[in-house]
């Protein structure tokens, strides 16, 4: 009985995987390129957003 349940579960998972593959194909889809993070040239910290680094403002 346990083997039958496990087999049905695996068949169900394979069916879900095939449906997902046909619904959302990855063939020909290019991965989105992410720009490298902006790093402050003075202190080396990451700059978040478009504001300047806090070391340039005299805070640190």
PDB file of N, CA and C in Angstrom:
ATOM      1  N   UNK A   1       0.816  -1.194   0.000  1.00  0.00           N
ATOM      2  CA  UNK A   1       0.000   0.000   0.000  1.00  0.00           C
ATOM      3  C   UNK A   1       0.863   1.262   0.000  1.00  0.00           C
ATOM      4  N   UNK A   2       1.938   1.247   0.794  1.00  0.00           N
ATOM      5  CA  UNK A   2       2.823   2.401   0.874  1.00  0.00           C
ATOM      6  C   UNK A   2       3.545   2.640  -0.460  1.00  0.00           C
ATOM      7  N   UNK A   3       3.921   1.544  -1.120  1.00  0.00           N
ATOM      8  CA  UNK A   3       4.597   1.673  -2.415  1.00  0.00           C
ATOM      9  C   UNK A   3       3.659   2.292  -3.441  1.00  0.00           C
ATOM     10  N   UNK A   4       2.403   1.946  -3.377  1.00  0.00           N
ATOM     11  CA  UNK A   4       1.412   2.491  -4.302  1.00  0.00           C
ATOM     12  C   UNK A   4       1.237   3.994  -4.068  1.00  0.00           C
ATOM     13  N   UNK A   5       1.209   4.424  -2.820  1.00  0.00           N
ATOM     14  CA  UNK A   5       1.057   5.848  -2.500  1.00  0.00           C
ATOM     15  C   UNK A   5       2.273   6.632  -2.973  1.00  0.00           C
ATOM     16  N   UNK A   6       3.466   6.094  -2.706  1.00  0.00           N
ATOM     17  CA  UNK A   6       4.696   6.773  -3.126  1.00  0.00           C
ATOM     18  C   UNK A   6       4.764   6.850  -4.648  1.00  0.00           C
ATOM     19  N   UNK A   7       4.395   5.789  -5.324  1.00  0.00           N
ATOM     20  CA  UNK A   7       4.417   5.784  -6.789  1.00  0.00           C
ATOM     21  C   UNK A   7       3.440   6.804  -7.354  1.00  0.00           C
ATOM     22  N   UNK A   8       2.233   6.860  -6.810  1.00  0.00           N
ATOM     23  CA  UNK A   8       1.263   7.843  -7.282  1.00  0.00           C
ATOM     24  C   UNK A   8       1.735   9.271  -7.002  1.00  0.00           C
ATOM     25  N   UNK A   9       2.373   9.483  -5.866  1.00  0.00           N
ATOM     26  CA  UNK A   9       2.915  10.803  -5.547  1.00  0.00           C
ATOM     27  C   UNK A   9       3.993  11.203  -6.553  1.00  0.00           C
ATOM     28  N   UNK A  10       4.900  10.305  -6.862  1.00  0.00           N
ATOM     29  CA  UNK A  10       5.972  10.611  -7.817  1.00  0.00           C
ATOM     30  C   UNK A  10       5.424  10.857  -9.220  1.00  0.00           C
ATOM     31  N   UNK A  11       4.446  10.100  -9.621  1.00  0.00           N
ATOM     32  CA  UNK A  11       3.815  10.315 -10.931  1.00  0.00           C
ATOM     33  C   UNK A  11       3.118  11.670 -10.956  1.00  0.00           C
ATOM     34  N   UNK A  12       2.457  12.025  -9.847  1.00  0.00           N
ATOM     35  CA  UNK A  12       1.808  13.332  -9.763  1.00  0.00           C
ATOM     36  C   UNK A  12       2.810  14.472  -9.827  1.00  0.00           C
ATOM     37  N   UNK A  13       3.933  14.328  -9.140  1.00  0.00           N
ATOM     38  CA  UNK A  13       4.965  15.368  -9.179  1.00  0.00           C
ATOM     39  C   UNK A  13       5.552  15.501 -10.583  1.00  0.00           C
ATOM     40  N   UNK A  14       5.743  14.395 -11.266  1.00  0.00           N
ATOM     41  CA  UNK A  14       6.253  14.446 -12.642  1.00  0.00           C
ATOM     42  C   UNK A  14       5.249  15.147 -13.553  1.00  0.00           C
ATOM     43  N   UNK A  15       3.969  14.899 -13.353  1.00  0.00           N
ATOM     44  CA  UNK A  15       2.942  15.555 -14.162  1.00  0.00           C
ATOM     45  C   UNK A  15       2.928  17.056 -13.906  1.00  0.00           C
ATOM     46  N   UNK A  16       3.069  17.458 -12.651  1.00  0.00           N
ATOM     47  CA  UNK A  16       3.110  18.886 -12.332  1.00  0.00           C
ATOM     48  C   UNK A  16       4.341  19.533 -12.963  1.00  0.00           C
ATOM     49  N   UNK A  17       5.465  18.832 -12.939  1.00  0.00           N
ATOM     50  CA  UNK A  17       6.694  19.367 -13.545  1.00  0.00           C
ATOM     51  C   UNK A  17       6.532  19.526 -15.059  1.00  0.00           C
ATOM     52  N   UNK A  18       5.907  18.563 -15.703  1.00  0.00           N
ATOM     53  CA  UNK A  18       5.716  18.659 -17.154  1.00  0.00           C
ATOM     54  C   UNK A  18       4.749  19.783 -17.505  1.00  0.00           C
ATOM     55  N   UNK A  19       3.696  19.940 -16.724  1.00  0.00           N
ATOM     56  CA  UNK A  19       2.750  21.031 -16.972  1.00  0.00           C
ATOM     57  C   UNK A  19       3.446  22.372 -16.798  1.00  0.00           C
ATOM     58  N   UNK A  20       4.257  22.507 -15.758  1.00  0.00           N
ATOM     59  CA  UNK A  20       4.998  23.748 -15.544  1.00  0.00           C
ATOM     60  C   UNK A  20       5.998  24.031 -16.646  1.00  0.00           C
ATOM     61  N   UNK A  21       6.619  22.992 -17.154  1.00  0.00           N
ATOM     62  CA  UNK A  21       7.601  23.181 -18.231  1.00  0.00           C
ATOM     63  C   UNK A  21       6.920  23.638 -19.519  1.00  0.00           C
ATOM     64  N   UNK A  22       5.754  23.085 -19.814  1.00  0.00           N
ATOM     65  CA  UNK A  22       5.060  23.484 -21.038  1.00  0.00           C
ATOM     66  C   UNK A  22       4.397  24.855 -20.894  1.00  0.00           C
ATOM     67  N   UNK A  23       3.995  25.186 -19.693  1.00  0.00           N
ATOM     68  CA  UNK A  23       3.330  26.472 -19.481  1.00  0.00           C
ATOM     69  C   UNK A  23       4.326  27.625 -19.421  1.00  0.00           C
ATOM     70  N   UNK A  24       5.494  27.404 -18.834  1.00  0.00           N
ATOM     71  CA  UNK A  24       6.530  28.426 -18.703  1.00  0.00           C
ATOM     72  C   UNK A  24       7.828  27.924 -19.319  1.00  0.00           C
ATOM     73  N   UNK A  25       7.915  27.881 -20.641  1.00  0.00           N
ATOM     74  CA  UNK A  25       9.134  27.342 -21.261  1.00  0.00           C
ATOM     75  C   UNK A  25      10.327  28.271 -21.053  1.00  0.00           C
ATOM     76  N   UNK A  26      11.503  27.680 -20.901  1.00  0.00           N
ATOM     77  CA  UNK A  26      12.724  28.446 -20.706  1.00  0.00           C
ATOM     78  C   UNK A  26      13.573  28.473 -21.972  1.00  0.00           C
ATOM     79  N   UNK A  27      13.153  27.807 -22.993  1.00  0.00           N
ATOM     80  CA  UNK A  27      13.929  27.757 -24.228  1.00  0.00           C
ATOM     81  C   UNK A  27      13.906  29.126 -24.883  1.00  0.00           C
ATOM     82  N   UNK A  28      15.053  29.675 -25.149  1.00  0.00           N
ATOM     83  CA  UNK A  28      15.150  30.965 -25.811  1.00  0.00           C
ATOM     84  C   UNK A  28      15.025  32.144 -24.891  1.00  0.00           C
ATOM     85  N   UNK A  29      14.741  31.920 -23.636  1.00  0.00           N
ATOM     86  CA  UNK A  29      14.599  33.015 -22.683  1.00  0.00           C
ATOM     87  C   UNK A  29      15.979  33.363 -22.132  1.00  0.00           C
ATOM     88  N   UNK A  30      16.329  34.620 -22.222  1.00  0.00           N
ATOM     89  CA  UNK A  30      17.613  35.063 -21.699  1.00  0.00           C
ATOM     90  C   UNK A  30      17.443  35.522 -20.263  1.00  0.00           C
ATOM     91  N   UNK A  31      18.432  35.227 -19.465  1.00  0.00           N
ATOM     92  CA  UNK A  31      18.366  35.678 -18.082  1.00  0.00           C
ATOM     93  C   UNK A  31      18.619  37.181 -18.035  1.00  0.00           C
ATOM     94  N   UNK A  32      17.932  37.840 -17.148  1.00  0.00           N
ATOM     95  CA  UNK A  32      18.073  39.284 -17.020  1.00  0.00           C
ATOM     96  C   UNK A  32      19.433  39.603 -16.408  1.00  0.00           C
ATOM     97  N   UNK A  33      20.133  40.519 -17.013  1.00  0.00           N
ATOM     98  CA  UNK A  33      21.439  40.919 -16.499  1.00  0.00           C
ATOM     99  C   UNK A  33      21.236  41.978 -15.425  1.00  0.00           C
ATOM    100  N   UNK A  34      21.908  41.805 -14.325  1.00  0.00           N
ATOM    101  CA  UNK A  34      21.823  42.737 -13.211  1.00  0.00           C
ATOM    102  C   UNK A  34      23.104  43.550 -13.196  1.00  0.00           C
ATOM    103  N   UNK A  35      22.944  44.866 -13.080  1.00  0.00           N
ATOM    104  CA  UNK A  35      24.111  45.734 -13.047  1.00  0.00           C
ATOM    105  C   UNK A  35      24.899  45.488 -11.763  1.00  0.00           C
ATOM    106  N   UNK A  36      26.213  45.585 -11.838  1.00  0.00           N
ATOM    107  CA  UNK A  36      27.005  45.396 -10.622  1.00  0.00           C
ATOM    108  C   UNK A  36      26.719  46.508  -9.618  1.00  0.00           C
ATOM    109  N   UNK A  37      26.897  46.241  -8.342  1.00  0.00           N
ATOM    110  CA  UNK A  37      26.592  47.248  -7.333  1.00  0.00           C
ATOM    111  C   UNK A  37      27.542  48.430  -7.414  1.00  0.00           C
ATOM    112  N   UNK A  38      27.027  49.601  -7.053  1.00  0.00           N
ATOM    113  CA  UNK A  38      27.842  50.809  -7.039  1.00  0.00           C
ATOM    114  C   UNK A  38      28.600  50.861  -5.720  1.00  0.00           C
ATOM    115  N   UNK A  39      29.901  51.060  -5.815  1.00  0.00           N
ATOM    116  CA  UNK A  39      30.752  51.089  -4.637  1.00  0.00           C
ATOM    117  C   UNK A  39      31.407  52.461  -4.557  1.00  0.00           C
ATOM    118  N   UNK A  40      31.455  53.018  -3.353  1.00  0.00           N
ATOM    119  CA  UNK A  40      32.090  54.313  -3.137  1.00  0.00           C
ATOM    120  C   UNK A  40      33.583  54.181  -3.401  1.00  0.00           C
ATOM    121  N   UNK A  41      34.115  55.094  -4.200  1.00  0.00           N
ATOM    122  CA  UNK A  41      35.533  55.058  -4.508  1.00  0.00           C
ATOM    123  C   UNK A  41      36.413  55.510  -3.365  1.00  0.00           C
ATOM    124  N   UNK A  42      35.827  56.175  -2.396  1.00  0.00           N
ATOM    125  CA  UNK A  42      36.607  56.713  -1.281  1.00  0.00           C
ATOM    126  C   UNK A  42      36.715  55.715  -0.132  1.00  0.00           C
ATOM    127  N   UNK A  43      35.574  55.182   0.318  1.00  0.00           N
ATOM    128  CA  UNK A  43      35.595  54.293   1.491  1.00  0.00           C
ATOM    129  C   UNK A  43      35.338  52.829   1.142  1.00  0.00           C
ATOM    130  N   UNK A  44      34.785  52.538  -0.035  1.00  0.00           N
ATOM    131  CA  UNK A  44      34.568  51.158  -0.453  1.00  0.00           C
ATOM    132  C   UNK A  44      33.228  50.570  -0.054  1.00  0.00           C
ATOM    133  N   UNK A  45      32.359  51.364   0.562  1.00  0.00           N
ATOM    134  CA  UNK A  45      31.034  50.863   0.940  1.00  0.00           C
ATOM    135  C   UNK A  45      30.109  50.857  -0.271  1.00  0.00           C
ATOM    136  N   UNK A  46      29.061  50.025  -0.174  1.00  0.00           N
ATOM    137  CA  UNK A  46      28.058  49.996  -1.230  1.00  0.00           C
ATOM    138  C   UNK A  46      27.184  51.236  -1.120  1.00  0.00           C
ATOM    139  N   UNK A  47      26.815  51.804  -2.275  1.00  0.00           N
ATOM    140  CA  UNK A  47      25.957  52.976  -2.310  1.00  0.00           C
ATOM    141  C   UNK A  47      24.554  52.505  -2.675  1.00  0.00           C
ATOM    142  N   UNK A  48      23.603  52.771  -1.800  1.00  0.00           N
ATOM    143  CA  UNK A  48      22.218  52.380  -2.026  1.00  0.00           C
ATOM    144  C   UNK A  48      21.456  53.556  -2.607  1.00  0.00           C
ATOM    145  N   UNK A  49      20.706  53.306  -3.658  1.00  0.00           N
ATOM    146  CA  UNK A  49      19.916  54.359  -4.277  1.00  0.00           C
ATOM    147  C   UNK A  49      20.799  55.302  -5.081  1.00  0.00           C
ATOM    148  N   UNK A  50      20.344  56.540  -5.216  1.00  0.00           N
ATOM    149  CA  UNK A  50      21.066  57.512  -6.022  1.00  0.00           C
ATOM    150  C   UNK A  50      21.753  58.572  -5.172  1.00  0.00           C
ATOM    151  N   UNK A  51      21.646  58.445  -3.861  1.00  0.00           N
ATOM    152  CA  UNK A  51      22.274  59.420  -2.974  1.00  0.00           C
ATOM    153  C   UNK A  51      23.775  59.175  -2.922  1.00  0.00           C
ATOM    154  N   UNK A  52      24.497  60.197  -2.546  1.00  0.00           N
ATOM    155  CA  UNK A  52      25.950  60.023  -2.426  1.00  0.00           C
ATOM    156  C   UNK A  52      26.272  59.324  -1.121  1.00  0.00           C
ATOM    157  N   UNK A  53      27.488  58.859  -1.019  1.00  0.00           N
ATOM    158  CA  UNK A  53      27.922  58.110   0.163  1.00  0.00           C
ATOM    159  C   UNK A  53      28.022  59.049   1.365  1.00  0.00           C
ATOM    160  N   UNK A  54      27.774  58.491   2.544  1.00  0.00           N
ATOM    161  CA  UNK A  54      27.813  59.306   3.752  1.00  0.00           C
ATOM    162  C   UNK A  54      29.234  59.771   4.085  1.00  0.00           C
ATOM    163  N   UNK A  55      30.256  59.096   3.590  1.00  0.00           N
ATOM    164  CA  UNK A  55      31.625  59.531   3.887  1.00  0.00           C
ATOM    165  C   UNK A  55      31.927  60.846   3.160  1.00  0.00           C
ATOM    166  N   UNK A  56      31.264  61.082   2.057  1.00  0.00           N
ATOM    167  CA  UNK A  56      31.477  62.325   1.315  1.00  0.00           C
ATOM    168  C   UNK A  56      30.746  63.493   1.954  1.00  0.00           C
ATOM    169  N   UNK A  57      29.784  63.191   2.795  1.00  0.00           N
ATOM    170  CA  UNK A  57      29.027  64.250   3.466  1.00  0.00           C
ATOM    171  C   UNK A  57      29.686  64.663   4.773  1.00  0.00           C
ATOM    172  N   UNK A  58      30.763  63.994   5.170  1.00  0.00           N
ATOM    173  CA  UNK A  58      31.464  64.343   6.397  1.00  0.00           C
ATOM    174  C   UNK A  58      30.929  63.627   7.621  1.00  0.00           C
ATOM    175  N   UNK A  59      30.175  62.525   7.409  1.00  0.00           N
ATOM    176  CA  UNK A  59      29.611  61.803   8.555  1.00  0.00           C
ATOM    177  C   UNK A  59      30.383  60.525   8.863  1.00  0.00           C
ATOM    178  N   UNK A  60      31.379  60.280   8.118  1.00  0.00           N
ATOM    179  CA  UNK A  60      31.942  59.117   8.468  1.00  0.00           C
ATOM    180  C   UNK A  60      32.919  58.251   8.133  1.00  0.00           C
TER     181      UNK A  60
END
